[in-house]
C-alpha atoms as a PDB file:
ATOM      1  CA  UNK A   1       0.000   0.000   0.000  1.00  0.00           C
ATOM      2  CA  UNK A   2       1.398   3.372  -1.043  1.00  0.00           C
ATOM      3  CA  UNK A   3       1.264   5.907   1.779  1.00  0.00           C
ATOM      4  CA  UNK A   4      -0.110   9.292   0.786  1.00  0.00           C
ATOM      5  CA  UNK A   5       2.168  12.275   1.289  1.00  0.00           C
ATOM      6  CA  UNK A   6       1.402  14.547   4.251  1.00  0.00           C
ATOM      7  CA  UNK A   7      -1.124  17.278   3.503  1.00  0.00           C
ATOM      8  CA  UNK A   8      -0.239  20.900   4.274  1.00  0.00           C
ATOM      9  CA  UNK A   9      -3.005  23.502   4.320  1.00  0.00           C
ATOM     10  CA  UNK A  10      -1.584  26.910   3.373  1.00  0.00           C
ATOM     11  CA  UNK A  11      -3.742  29.890   4.315  1.00  0.00           C
ATOM     12  CA  UNK A  12      -2.966  33.050   2.313  1.00  0.00           C
ATOM     13  CA  UNK A  13      -4.717  36.179   3.641  1.00  0.00           C
ATOM     14  CA  UNK A  14      -4.749  38.922   1.034  1.00  0.00           C
ATOM     15  CA  UNK A  15      -5.646  42.580   1.201  1.00  0.00           C
ATOM     16  CA  UNK A  16      -4.676  44.697  -1.821  1.00  0.00           C
ATOM     17  CA  UNK A  17      -1.688  42.496  -2.673  1.00  0.00           C
ATOM     18  CA  UNK A  18      -2.795  41.539  -6.178  1.00  0.00           C
ATOM     19  CA  UNK A  19       0.660  42.264  -7.614  1.00  0.00           C
ATOM     20  CA  UNK A  20       2.318  39.798  -5.236  1.00  0.00           C
ATOM     21  CA  UNK A  21      -0.281  37.021  -5.121  1.00  0.00           C
ATOM     22  CA  UNK A  22       0.736  34.900  -8.176  1.00  0.00           C
ATOM     23  CA  UNK A  23       4.342  34.553  -7.032  1.00  0.00           C
ATOM     24  CA  UNK A  24       3.220  33.686  -3.515  1.00  0.00           C
ATOM     25  CA  UNK A  25       0.903  30.913  -4.723  1.00  0.00           C
ATOM     26  CA  UNK A  26       3.537  29.591  -7.146  1.00  0.00           C
ATOM     27  CA  UNK A  27       5.990  29.252  -4.271  1.00  0.00           C
ATOM     28  CA  UNK A  28       3.461  26.990  -2.509  1.00  0.00           C
ATOM     29  CA  UNK A  29       2.230  24.757  -5.318  1.00  0.00           C
ATOM     30  CA  UNK A  30       5.825  24.079  -6.405  1.00  0.00           C
ATOM     31  CA  UNK A  31       6.698  22.524  -3.019  1.00  0.00           C
ATOM     32  CA  UNK A  32       7.966  18.945  -3.297  1.00  0.00           C
ATOM     33  CA  UNK A  33       7.371  15.980  -0.995  1.00  0.00           C
ATOM     34  CA  UNK A  34       4.021  17.130   0.375  1.00  0.00           C
ATOM     35  CA  UNK A  35       0.478  17.574  -0.849  1.00  0.00           C
ATOM     36  CA  UNK A  36      -0.565  21.210  -0.602  1.00  0.00           C
ATOM     37  CA  UNK A  37      -4.000  22.767  -0.375  1.00  0.00           C
ATOM     38  CA  UNK A  38      -4.158  26.526  -0.690  1.00  0.00           C
ATOM     39  CA  UNK A  39      -6.878  28.877   0.514  1.00  0.00           C
ATOM     40  CA  UNK A  40      -6.660  32.514  -0.533  1.00  0.00           C
ATOM     41  CA  UNK A  41      -8.888  34.709   1.634  1.00  0.00           C
ATOM     42  CA  UNK A  42      -9.441  38.102   0.054  1.00  0.00           C
ATOM     43  CA  UNK A  43     -10.398  40.498   2.843  1.00  0.00           C
ATOM     44  CA  UNK A  44     -12.503  42.796   0.649  1.00  0.00           C
ATOM     45  CA  UNK A  45      -9.587  44.169  -1.357  1.00  0.00           C
ATOM     46  CA  UNK A  46     -10.092  47.251  -3.489  1.00  0.00           C
ATOM     47  CA  UNK A  47      -7.595  46.168  -6.161  1.00  0.00           C
ATOM     48  CA  UNK A  48      -7.658  43.135  -8.488  1.00  0.00           C
ATOM     49  CA  UNK A  49      -6.826  40.595  -5.754  1.00  0.00           C
ATOM     50  CA  UNK A  50     -10.154  38.769  -5.996  1.00  0.00           C
ATOM     51  CA  UNK A  51     -10.021  38.361  -9.770  1.00  0.00           C
ATOM     52  CA  UNK A  52      -6.423  37.163  -9.669  1.00  0.00           C
ATOM     53  CA  UNK A  53      -7.221  34.704  -6.861  1.00  0.00           C
ATOM     54  CA  UNK A  54     -10.113  33.270  -8.861  1.00  0.00           C
ATOM     55  CA  UNK A  55      -7.883  32.883 -11.918  1.00  0.00           C
ATOM     56  CA  UNK A  56      -5.252  31.064  -9.859  1.00  0.00           C
ATOM     57  CA  UNK A  57      -7.954  28.731  -8.532  1.00  0.00           C
ATOM     58  CA  UNK A  58      -9.169  27.984 -12.085  1.00  0.00           C
ATOM     59  CA  UNK A  59      -5.642  27.040 -13.117  1.00  0.00           C
ATOM     60  CA  UNK A  60      -4.913  24.717 -10.213  1.00  0.00           C
ATOM     61  CA  UNK A  61      -7.432  22.503  -8.401  1.00  0.00           C
ATOM     62  CA  UNK A  62      -5.305  22.686  -5.249  1.00  0.00           C
ATOM     63  CA  UNK A  63      -6.123  26.383  -4.911  1.00  0.00           C
ATOM     64  CA  UNK A  64      -9.406  27.662  -3.478  1.00  0.00           C
ATOM     65  CA  UNK A  65     -10.479  31.227  -2.783  1.00  0.00           C
ATOM     66  CA  UNK A  66     -12.917  33.160  -0.617  1.00  0.00           C
ATOM     67  CA  UNK A  67     -13.823  36.830  -0.598  1.00  0.00           C
ATOM     68  CA  UNK A  68     -15.195  38.850   2.301  1.00  0.00           C
ATOM     69  CA  UNK A  69     -18.025  41.204   1.423  1.00  0.00           C
ATOM     70  CA  UNK A  70     -16.681  43.574   4.089  1.00  0.00           C
ATOM     71  CA  UNK A  71     -13.202  43.969   5.496  1.00  0.00           C
ATOM     72  CA  UNK A  72     -12.874  41.903   8.683  1.00  0.00           C
ATOM     73  CA  UNK A  73      -9.259  42.644   9.535  1.00  0.00           C
ATOM     74  CA  UNK A  74      -6.257  40.377   9.594  1.00  0.00           C
ATOM     75  CA  UNK A  75      -6.881  38.580  12.907  1.00  0.00           C
ATOM     76  CA  UNK A  76     -10.384  37.417  11.949  1.00  0.00           C
ATOM     77  CA  UNK A  77      -9.081  36.410   8.520  1.00  0.00           C
ATOM     78  CA  UNK A  78      -6.196  34.423  10.022  1.00  0.00           C
ATOM     79  CA  UNK A  79      -8.497  32.555  12.395  1.00  0.00           C
ATOM     80  CA  UNK A  80     -11.027  31.804   9.681  1.00  0.00           C
ATOM     81  CA  UNK A  81      -8.358  30.051   7.648  1.00  0.00           C
ATOM     82  CA  UNK A  82      -6.535  28.312  10.481  1.00  0.00           C
ATOM     83  CA  UNK A  83      -9.512  27.128  12.518  1.00  0.00           C
ATOM     84  CA  UNK A  84     -12.454  26.886  10.104  1.00  0.00           C
ATOM     85  CA  UNK A  85     -10.842  25.788   6.842  1.00  0.00           C
ATOM     86  CA  UNK A  86      -7.489  24.065   7.373  1.00  0.00           C
ATOM     87  CA  UNK A  87      -8.007  20.304   7.298  1.00  0.00           C
ATOM     88  CA  UNK A  88      -4.556  19.015   6.377  1.00  0.00           C
ATOM     89  CA  UNK A  89      -2.064  17.357   8.684  1.00  0.00           C
ATOM     90  CA  UNK A  90      -0.168  20.637   8.970  1.00  0.00           C
ATOM     91  CA  UNK A  91      -1.002  24.291   8.468  1.00  0.00           C
ATOM     92  CA  UNK A  92       0.940  27.378   7.361  1.00  0.00           C
ATOM     93  CA  UNK A  93      -0.092  31.033   7.460  1.00  0.00           C
ATOM     94  CA  UNK A  94       1.570  32.827   4.552  1.00  0.00           C
ATOM     95  CA  UNK A  95       1.080  36.509   3.767  1.00  0.00           C
ATOM     96  CA  UNK A  96       0.306  37.180   0.115  1.00  0.00           C
ATOM     97  CA  UNK A  97       3.460  39.282  -0.244  1.00  0.00           C
ATOM     98  CA  UNK A  98       5.831  36.581   1.090  1.00  0.00           C
ATOM     99  CA  UNK A  99       7.215  33.416  -0.497  1.00  0.00           C
ATOM    100  CA  UNK A 100       8.123  29.926   0.618  1.00  0.00           C
ATOM    101  CA  UNK A 101      11.625  28.772  -0.253  1.00  0.00           C
ATOM    102  CA  UNK A 102      11.952  25.646  -2.427  1.00  0.00           C
ATOM    103  CA  UNK A 103      11.711  22.505  -0.311  1.00  0.00           C
ATOM    104  CA  UNK A 104      10.692  24.373   2.837  1.00  0.00           C
ATOM    105  CA  UNK A 105       7.537  22.387   3.555  1.00  0.00           C
ATOM    106  CA  UNK A 106       9.219  19.053   2.896  1.00  0.00           C
ATOM    107  CA  UNK A 107      12.023  19.798   5.349  1.00  0.00           C
ATOM    108  CA  UNK A 108       9.637  20.922   8.069  1.00  0.00           C
ATOM    109  CA  UNK A 109       7.160  18.085   7.594  1.00  0.00           C
ATOM    110  CA  UNK A 110       9.882  15.416   7.527  1.00  0.00           C
ATOM    111  CA  UNK A 111      10.948  16.578  10.977  1.00  0.00           C
ATOM    112  CA  UNK A 112       7.416  16.476  12.370  1.00  0.00           C
ATOM    113  CA  UNK A 113       6.666  13.107  10.794  1.00  0.00           C
ATOM    114  CA  UNK A 114       9.730  11.714  12.598  1.00  0.00           C
ATOM    115  CA  UNK A 115       8.951  13.453  15.914  1.00  0.00           C
ATOM    116  CA  UNK A 116       5.242  13.254  16.806  1.00  0.00           C
ATOM    117  CA  UNK A 117       5.725  15.470  19.882  1.00  0.00           C
ATOM    118  CA  UNK A 118       6.882  18.400  17.734  1.00  0.00           C
ATOM    119  CA  UNK A 119       3.990  20.806  17.224  1.00  0.00           C
ATOM    120  CA  UNK A 120       5.755  23.506  15.241  1.00  0.00           C
ATOM    121  CA  UNK A 121       8.814  23.807  13.027  1.00  0.00           C
ATOM    122  CA  UNK A 122      10.414  27.066  11.953  1.00  0.00           C
ATOM    123  CA  UNK A 123      13.608  28.247  10.305  1.00  0.00           C
ATOM    124  CA  UNK A 124      15.400  31.175   8.766  1.00  0.00           C
ATOM    125  CA  UNK A 125      13.781  33.716   6.500  1.00  0.00           C
ATOM    126  CA  UNK A 126      15.509  36.161   4.203  1.00  0.00           C
ATOM    127  CA  UNK A 127      14.315  39.732   3.687  1.00  0.00           C
ATOM    128  CA  UNK A 128      13.956  41.055   0.149  1.00  0.00           C
ATOM    129  CA  UNK A 129      12.203  43.885  -1.618  1.00  0.00           C
ATOM    130  CA  UNK A 130      12.187  43.376  -5.395  1.00  0.00           C
ATOM    131  CA  UNK A 131      13.850  40.347  -6.958  1.00  0.00           C
ATOM    132  CA  UNK A 132      14.037  37.155  -4.914  1.00  0.00           C
ATOM    133  CA  UNK A 133      17.683  36.800  -3.875  1.00  0.00           C
ATOM    134  CA  UNK A 134      19.721  33.792  -4.918  1.00  0.00           C
ATOM    135  CA  UNK A 135      20.785  31.777  -1.901  1.00  0.00           C
ATOM    136  CA  UNK A 136      23.308  28.999  -1.420  1.00  0.00           C
ATOM    137  CA  UNK A 137      22.468  28.109   2.172  1.00  0.00           C
ATOM    138  CA  UNK A 138      22.453  24.337   2.469  1.00  0.00           C
ATOM    139  CA  UNK A 139      20.364  22.135   4.696  1.00  0.00           C
ATOM    140  CA  UNK A 140      22.370  21.440   7.858  1.00  0.00           C
ATOM    141  CA  UNK A 141      19.965  19.215   9.756  1.00  0.00           C
ATOM    142  CA  UNK A 142      17.350  19.895  12.359  1.00  0.00           C
ATOM    143  CA  UNK A 143      17.101  20.591  16.082  1.00  0.00           C
ATOM    144  CA  UNK A 144      14.266  19.599  18.403  1.00  0.00           C
ATOM    145  CA  UNK A 145      13.698  21.732  21.509  1.00  0.00           C
ATOM    146  CA  UNK A 146      11.699  20.697  24.535  1.00  0.00           C
ATOM    147  CA  UNK A 147       8.650  22.953  24.314  1.00  0.00           C
ATOM    148  CA  UNK A 148       8.674  24.141  27.923  1.00  0.00           C
ATOM    149  CA  UNK A 149      12.384  24.966  27.807  1.00  0.00           C
ATOM    150  CA  UNK A 150      11.963  26.819  24.519  1.00  0.00           C
ATOM    151  CA  UNK A 151       9.030  28.720  26.018  1.00  0.00           C
ATOM    152  CA  UNK A 152      11.090  29.639  29.072  1.00  0.00           C
ATOM    153  CA  UNK A 153      13.961  30.978  26.976  1.00  0.00           C
ATOM    154  CA  UNK A 154      11.701  33.027  24.721  1.00  0.00           C
ATOM    155  CA  UNK A 155       9.906  34.498  27.743  1.00  0.00           C
ATOM    156  CA  UNK A 156      13.166  35.377  29.498  1.00  0.00           C
ATOM    157  CA  UNK A 157      14.481  37.102  26.376  1.00  0.00           C
ATOM    158  CA  UNK A 158      11.051  38.560  25.518  1.00  0.00           C
ATOM    159  CA  UNK A 159      12.042  38.192  21.887  1.00  0.00           C
ATOM    160  CA  UNK A 160      10.261  36.622  18.927  1.00  0.00           C
ATOM    161  CA  UNK A 161      12.708  34.512  16.922  1.00  0.00           C
ATOM    162  CA  UNK A 162      10.093  32.927  14.632  1.00  0.00           C
ATOM    163  CA  UNK A 163       9.480  34.487  11.243  1.00  0.00           C
ATOM    164  CA  UNK A 164       5.822  33.725  10.530  1.00  0.00           C
ATOM    165  CA  UNK A 165       6.165  32.497   6.913  1.00  0.00           C
ATOM    166  CA  UNK A 166       8.606  29.813   8.080  1.00  0.00           C
ATOM    167  CA  UNK A 167       6.288  28.390  10.763  1.00  0.00           C
ATOM    168  CA  UNK A 168       4.634  25.051   9.993  1.00  0.00           C
ATOM    169  CA  UNK A 169       2.218  23.961  12.736  1.00  0.00           C
ATOM    170  CA  UNK A 170       0.648  20.572  13.332  1.00  0.00           C
ATOM    171  CA  UNK A 171      -3.073  21.161  12.704  1.00  0.00           C
ATOM    172  CA  UNK A 172      -4.145  19.244  15.804  1.00  0.00           C
ATOM    173  CA  UNK A 173      -1.911  21.504  17.912  1.00  0.00           C
ATOM    174  CA  UNK A 174      -3.252  24.625  16.205  1.00  0.00           C
ATOM    175  CA  UNK A 175      -6.789  23.624  17.112  1.00  0.00           C
ATOM    176  CA  UNK A 176      -5.740  22.792  20.646  1.00  0.00           C
ATOM    177  CA  UNK A 177      -4.209  26.219  21.334  1.00  0.00           C
ATOM    178  CA  UNK A 178      -6.831  28.151  19.363  1.00  0.00           C
ATOM    179  CA  UNK A 179      -6.516  31.141  17.100  1.00  0.00           C
ATOM    180  CA  UNK A 180      -4.818  34.505  17.201  1.00  0.00           C
ATOM    181  CA  UNK A 181      -5.740  36.783  20.089  1.00  0.00           C
ATOM    182  CA  UNK A 182      -7.805  39.793  18.901  1.00  0.00           C
ATOM    183  CA  UNK A 183      -6.346  41.803  21.790  1.00  0.00           C
ATOM    184  CA  UNK A 184      -2.865  41.437  20.265  1.00  0.00           C
ATOM    185  CA  UNK A 185      -3.380  42.566  16.654  1.00  0.00           C
ATOM    186  CA  UNK A 186       0.272  43.444  16.045  1.00  0.00           C
ATOM    187  CA  UNK A 187       2.159  40.799  18.015  1.00  0.00           C
ATOM    188  CA  UNK A 188      -0.210  37.855  17.958  1.00  0.00           C
ATOM    189  CA  UNK A 189       2.306  35.627  16.185  1.00  0.00           C
ATOM    190  CA  UNK A 190       4.780  35.869  19.093  1.00  0.00           C
ATOM    191  CA  UNK A 191       2.055  35.013  21.590  1.00  0.00           C
ATOM    192  CA  UNK A 192       0.906  32.132  19.381  1.00  0.00           C
ATOM    193  CA  UNK A 193       4.351  30.514  19.304  1.00  0.00           C
ATOM    194  CA  UNK A 194       4.552  30.704  23.097  1.00  0.00           C
ATOM    195  CA  UNK A 195       1.183  28.981  23.415  1.00  0.00           C
ATOM    196  CA  UNK A 196       2.253  26.242  20.996  1.00  0.00           C
ATOM    197  CA  UNK A 197       5.465  25.666  22.954  1.00  0.00           C
ATOM    198  CA  UNK A 198       3.403  25.289  26.105  1.00  0.00           C
ATOM    199  CA  UNK A 199       1.786  22.107  24.746  1.00  0.00           C
ATOM    200  CA  UNK A 200       4.302  20.680  22.252  1.00  0.00           C
ATOM    201  CA  UNK A 201       7.977  20.532  21.350  1.00  0.00           C
ATOM    202  CA  UNK A 202       9.461  22.931  18.799  1.00  0.00           C
ATOM    203  CA  UNK A 203      11.644  22.032  15.825  1.00  0.00           C
ATOM    204  CA  UNK A 204      14.137  24.143  13.896  1.00  0.00           C
ATOM    205  CA  UNK A 205      15.517  23.688  10.370  1.00  0.00           C
ATOM    206  CA  UNK A 206      19.202  24.595  10.316  1.00  0.00           C
ATOM    207  CA  UNK A 207      21.092  26.096   7.414  1.00  0.00           C
ATOM    208  CA  UNK A 208      18.395  26.312   4.769  1.00  0.00           C
ATOM    209  CA  UNK A 209      16.370  29.427   4.076  1.00  0.00           C
ATOM    210  CA  UNK A 210      12.732  28.460   4.671  1.00  0.00           C
ATOM    211  CA  UNK A 211      10.961  31.579   3.418  1.00  0.00           C
ATOM    212  CA  UNK A 212      11.440  34.975   1.838  1.00  0.00           C
ATOM    213  CA  UNK A 213       9.969  37.913   3.737  1.00  0.00           C
ATOM    214  CA  UNK A 214       9.115  40.860   1.524  1.00  0.00           C
ATOM    215  CA  UNK A 215       9.884  44.319   2.933  1.00  0.00           C
ATOM    216  CA  UNK A 216       8.089  47.238   1.313  1.00  0.00           C
ATOM    217  CA  UNK A 217       6.471  50.498   2.459  1.00  0.00           C
ATOM    218  CA  UNK A 218       2.961  49.019   2.700  1.00  0.00           C
ATOM    219  CA  UNK A 219       3.915  45.805   4.508  1.00  0.00           C
ATOM    220  CA  UNK A 220       2.349  45.353   7.935  1.00  0.00           C
ATOM    221  CA  UNK A 221       5.667  45.281   9.759  1.00  0.00           C
ATOM    222  CA  UNK A 222       6.728  48.580   8.206  1.00  0.00           C
ATOM    223  CA  UNK A 223       3.442  50.199   9.166  1.00  0.00           C
ATOM    224  CA  UNK A 224       3.516  48.960  12.766  1.00  0.00           C
ATOM    225  CA  UNK A 225       7.156  49.103  13.761  1.00  0.00           C
ATOM    226  CA  UNK A 226       8.126  52.595  12.712  1.00  0.00           C
ATOM    227  CA  UNK A 227      10.490  52.804  15.664  1.00  0.00           C
ATOM    228  CA  UNK A 228      12.098  50.386  18.078  1.00  0.00           C
ATOM    229  CA  UNK A 229       9.904  51.364  21.005  1.00  0.00           C
ATOM    230  CA  UNK A 230       6.771  50.371  19.088  1.00  0.00           C
ATOM    231  CA  UNK A 231       8.172  46.867  18.724  1.00  0.00           C
ATOM    232  CA  UNK A 232       9.075  46.661  22.414  1.00  0.00           C
ATOM    233  CA  UNK A 233       5.622  47.929  23.401  1.00  0.00           C
ATOM    234  CA  UNK A 234       4.037  45.131  21.392  1.00  0.00           C
ATOM    235  CA  UNK A 235       6.267  42.517  22.992  1.00  0.00           C
ATOM    236  CA  UNK A 236       5.396  43.842  26.439  1.00  0.00           C
ATOM    237  CA  UNK A 237       1.728  43.421  25.557  1.00  0.00           C
ATOM    238  CA  UNK A 238       2.455  39.808  24.649  1.00  0.00           C
ATOM    239  CA  UNK A 239       4.204  39.153  27.936  1.00  0.00           C
ATOM    240  CA  UNK A 240       1.365  40.853  29.848  1.00  0.00           C
ATOM    241  CA  UNK A 241      -1.053  38.462  28.154  1.00  0.00           C
ATOM    242  CA  UNK A 242       1.103  35.375  28.604  1.00  0.00           C
ATOM    243  CA  UNK A 243       1.734  35.996  32.301  1.00  0.00           C
ATOM    244  CA  UNK A 244      -1.929  36.770  32.982  1.00  0.00           C
ATOM    245  CA  UNK A 245      -3.232  33.703  31.143  1.00  0.00           C
ATOM    246  CA  UNK A 246      -0.404  31.189  31.543  1.00  0.00           C
ATOM    247  CA  UNK A 247       1.441  32.322  34.641  1.00  0.00           C
ATOM    248  CA  UNK A 248       1.415  28.878  36.278  1.00  0.00           C
ATOM    249  CA  UNK A 249       2.902  27.215  33.204  1.00  0.00           C
ATOM    250  CA  UNK A 250       5.638  29.838  32.981  1.00  0.00           C
ATOM    251  CA  UNK A 251       6.429  29.459  36.675  1.00  0.00           C
ATOM    252  CA  UNK A 252       6.663  25.693  36.195  1.00  0.00           C
ATOM    253  CA  UNK A 253       9.083  26.329  33.332  1.00  0.00           C
ATOM    254  CA  UNK A 254      11.275  28.426  35.629  1.00  0.00           C
ATOM    255  CA  UNK A 255      10.418  31.823  34.173  1.00  0.00           C
ATOM    256  CA  UNK A 256      10.534  34.717  36.625  1.00  0.00           C
ATOM    257  CA  UNK A 257       8.241  37.601  35.683  1.00  0.00           C
ATOM    258  CA  UNK A 258      10.730  40.136  37.059  1.00  0.00           C
ATOM    259  CA  UNK A 259      13.522  38.860  34.801  1.00  0.00           C
ATOM    260  CA  UNK A 260      11.345  39.194  31.703  1.00  0.00           C
ATOM    261  CA  UNK A 261      10.326  42.756  32.480  1.00  0.00           C
ATOM    262  CA  UNK A 262      13.899  43.710  33.356  1.00  0.00           C
ATOM    263  CA  UNK A 263      14.867  42.594  29.860  1.00  0.00           C
ATOM    264  CA  UNK A 264      12.085  44.607  28.215  1.00  0.00           C
ATOM    265  CA  UNK A 265      12.816  47.715  30.269  1.00  0.00           C
ATOM    266  CA  UNK A 266      16.534  47.521  29.499  1.00  0.00           C
ATOM    267  CA  UNK A 267      16.222  47.405  25.708  1.00  0.00           C
ATOM    268  CA  UNK A 268      15.370  51.088  25.094  1.00  0.00           C
ATOM    269  CA  UNK A 269      17.875  52.141  27.765  1.00  0.00           C
ATOM    270  CA  UNK A 270      20.692  50.399  25.918  1.00  0.00           C
ATOM    271  CA  UNK A 271      19.455  52.082  22.728  1.00  0.00           C
ATOM    272  CA  UNK A 272      19.752  55.409  24.515  1.00  0.00           C
ATOM    273  CA  UNK A 273      23.297  54.549  25.612  1.00  0.00           C
ATOM    274  CA  UNK A 274      24.208  53.765  22.036  1.00  0.00           C
ATOM    275  CA  UNK A 275      22.762  57.109  20.917  1.00  0.00           C
ATOM    276  CA  UNK A 276      25.158  58.916  23.272  1.00  0.00           C
ATOM    277  CA  UNK A 277      28.080  56.895  21.945  1.00  0.00           C
ATOM    278  CA  UNK A 278      27.135  57.712  18.334  1.00  0.00           C
ATOM    279  CA  UNK A 279      26.633  61.395  19.087  1.00  0.00           C
ATOM    280  CA  UNK A 280      22.951  61.532  18.146  1.00  0.00           C
ATOM    281  CA  UNK A 281      21.287  61.442  21.564  1.00  0.00           C
ATOM    282  CA  UNK A 282      19.563  64.732  20.847  1.00  0.00           C
ATOM    283  CA  UNK A 283      17.838  63.161  17.843  1.00  0.00           C
ATOM    284  CA  UNK A 284      16.093  60.275  19.626  1.00  0.00           C
ATOM    285  CA  UNK A 285      13.235  60.289  22.198  1.00  0.00           C
ATOM    286  CA  UNK A 286      15.295  59.309  25.230  1.00  0.00           C
ATOM    287  CA  UNK A 287      12.782  60.763  27.704  1.00  0.00           C
ATOM    288  CA  UNK A 288      10.072  58.574  26.199  1.00  0.00           C
ATOM    289  CA  UNK A 289      12.324  55.523  26.330  1.00  0.00           C
ATOM    290  CA  UNK A 290      13.172  56.108  29.989  1.00  0.00           C
ATOM    291  CA  UNK A 291       9.497  56.537  30.866  1.00  0.00           C
ATOM    292  CA  UNK A 292       8.683  53.235  29.152  1.00  0.00           C
ATOM    293  CA  UNK A 293      11.431  51.562  31.185  1.00  0.00           C
ATOM    294  CA  UNK A 294      10.051  53.074  34.394  1.00  0.00           C
ATOM    295  CA  UNK A 295       6.538  51.798  33.650  1.00  0.00           C
ATOM    296  CA  UNK A 296       7.870  48.360  32.770  1.00  0.00           C
ATOM    297  CA  UNK A 297      10.260  47.978  35.710  1.00  0.00           C
ATOM    298  CA  UNK A 298       9.699  50.733  38.319  1.00  0.00           C
ATOM    299  CA  UNK A 299      12.982  50.015  40.124  1.00  0.00           C
ATOM    300  CA  UNK A 300      15.127  51.692  37.472  1.00  0.00           C
ATOM    301  CA  UNK A 301      18.133  51.873  39.774  1.00  0.00           C
ATOM    302  CA  UNK A 302      18.350  48.067  39.733  1.00  0.00           C
ATOM    303  CA  UNK A 303      18.925  48.032  35.968  1.00  0.00           C
ATOM    304  CA  UNK A 304      22.567  48.121  34.746  1.00  0.00           C
ATOM    305  CA  UNK A 305      21.298  49.738  31.535  1.00  0.00           C
ATOM    306  CA  UNK A 306      19.821  52.670  33.454  1.00  0.00           C
ATOM    307  CA  UNK A 307      22.996  53.184  35.482  1.00  0.00           C
ATOM    308  CA  UNK A 308      24.982  53.094  32.237  1.00  0.00           C
ATOM    309  CA  UNK A 309      22.697  55.705  30.709  1.00  0.00           C
ATOM    310  CA  UNK A 310      23.010  57.993  33.731  1.00  0.00           C
ATOM    311  CA  UNK A 311      26.824  57.868  33.440  1.00  0.00           C
ATOM    312  CA  UNK A 312      26.602  58.951  29.812  1.00  0.00           C
ATOM    313  CA  UNK A 313      24.136  61.704  30.613  1.00  0.00           C
ATOM    314  CA  UNK A 314      26.439  63.121  33.277  1.00  0.00           C
ATOM    315  CA  UNK A 315      29.331  63.192  30.813  1.00  0.00           C
ATOM    316  CA  UNK A 316      27.278  64.582  27.950  1.00  0.00           C
ATOM    317  CA  UNK A 317      26.730  63.565  24.357  1.00  0.00           C
ATOM    318  CA  UNK A 318      29.757  65.343  22.889  1.00  0.00           C
ATOM    319  CA  UNK A 319      32.279  63.887  25.332  1.00  0.00           C
ATOM    320  CA  UNK A 320      30.869  60.376  25.035  1.00  0.00           C
ATOM    321  CA  UNK A 321      31.063  60.480  21.253  1.00  0.00           C
ATOM    322  CA  UNK A 322      34.440  62.188  20.831  1.00  0.00           C
ATOM    323  CA  UNK A 323      36.381  60.243  23.458  1.00  0.00           C
ATOM    324  CA  UNK A 324      34.682  56.864  22.972  1.00  0.00           C
ATOM    325  CA  UNK A 325      35.023  56.271  26.724  1.00  0.00           C
ATOM    326  CA  UNK A 326      32.553  53.412  26.515  1.00  0.00           C
ATOM    327  CA  UNK A 327      34.054  51.659  23.501  1.00  0.00           C
ATOM    328  CA  UNK A 328      34.782  48.472  25.451  1.00  0.00           C
ATOM    329  CA  UNK A 329      31.195  48.256  26.700  1.00  0.00           C
ATOM    330  CA  UNK A 330      29.941  48.702  23.152  1.00  0.00           C
ATOM    331  CA  UNK A 331      32.193  45.952  21.819  1.00  0.00           C
ATOM    332  CA  UNK A 332      31.062  43.567  24.564  1.00  0.00           C
ATOM    333  CA  UNK A 333      27.403  44.197  23.793  1.00  0.00           C
ATOM    334  CA  UNK A 334      28.007  43.666  20.089  1.00  0.00           C
ATOM    335  CA  UNK A 335      29.817  40.407  20.757  1.00  0.00           C
ATOM    336  CA  UNK A 336      26.937  39.251  22.928  1.00  0.00           C
ATOM    337  CA  UNK A 337      24.497  40.080  20.145  1.00  0.00           C
ATOM    338  CA  UNK A 338      26.672  38.253  17.617  1.00  0.00           C
ATOM    339  CA  UNK A 339      26.887  35.139  19.788  1.00  0.00           C
ATOM    340  CA  UNK A 340      23.110  35.176  20.261  1.00  0.00           C
ATOM    341  CA  UNK A 341      22.588  35.489  16.527  1.00  0.00           C
ATOM    342  CA  UNK A 342      24.994  32.672  15.707  1.00  0.00           C
ATOM    343  CA  UNK A 343      23.371  30.413  18.284  1.00  0.00           C
ATOM    344  CA  UNK A 344      19.966  31.118  16.806  1.00  0.00           C
ATOM    345  CA  UNK A 345      21.099  30.447  13.224  1.00  0.00           C
ATOM    346  CA  UNK A 346      22.600  27.101  14.224  1.00  0.00           C
ATOM    347  CA  UNK A 347      20.051  25.813  16.696  1.00  0.00           C
ATOM    348  CA  UNK A 348      16.989  28.078  16.614  1.00  0.00           C
ATOM    349  CA  UNK A 349      17.045  28.742  20.322  1.00  0.00           C
END
């Protein structure tokens, strides 16, 4: 008896992305080693998205399309596809302006087929704007993380390491954890990955690029994260939600709430320190950053980042920049960032 290939349901929400939609769908239907089913959900676009989606569906029986009579927003559209439509073994949420890399679904599904406790697999994505870049990154194997440990590390760092177009989720796990939280419209993906890790292990594809993430002026990320503080605010909202709803699970995983909020509060303070070192402190909203840190972790004096900022403020922007008194500190922080990045690229955690 010939075993059927695993089925991957790929949900493609689309709002005024007609120009990107054909390439997105092509990147899915060309995947090898899996059976794909595609649902394009047009959220009442005002361009030609609906007509193009219907044409793509006529060309390929694996493609289906729906159109909303009224715009429902991205969260409702995501949940419609993930919870009401997806019926494959695995599910992917892919924005209409992004692309899957060749072989991405096969690599992710192979890992989950071999490890039934893995509920999600992710990998590296590559940013692009116009032409899809040529890549020579080669598959270097996979890593499986214990879900609770992965959850604990992500919560301590308060950082989202999962690029959404690379995430392949076991459909049974997706239904178990539910859909995207309407109260987190701009950081729901981060909160989703934490929920998945609370009930299943997490896999990572090393080496290979799994998806291409398109960066352009109208992309959601560019609209939301116009400055670094906006991103940190969204991640704080995620941690507020996670600790309020899943505090016991985080405590069991060894996550201290204070440590997480110290990390969040310190991020803009280190940005402020860097602004003094670069000589552009007067050009960034340091007062706003400090106030965010105070709201996030009221005991500012306990934060090394705040003490470092106060030293730079006492010396002044000009002296900090011209003398490079804090060059060693800057190098250390950069090395720490580099080590974190290399660890993530190799192991995904």
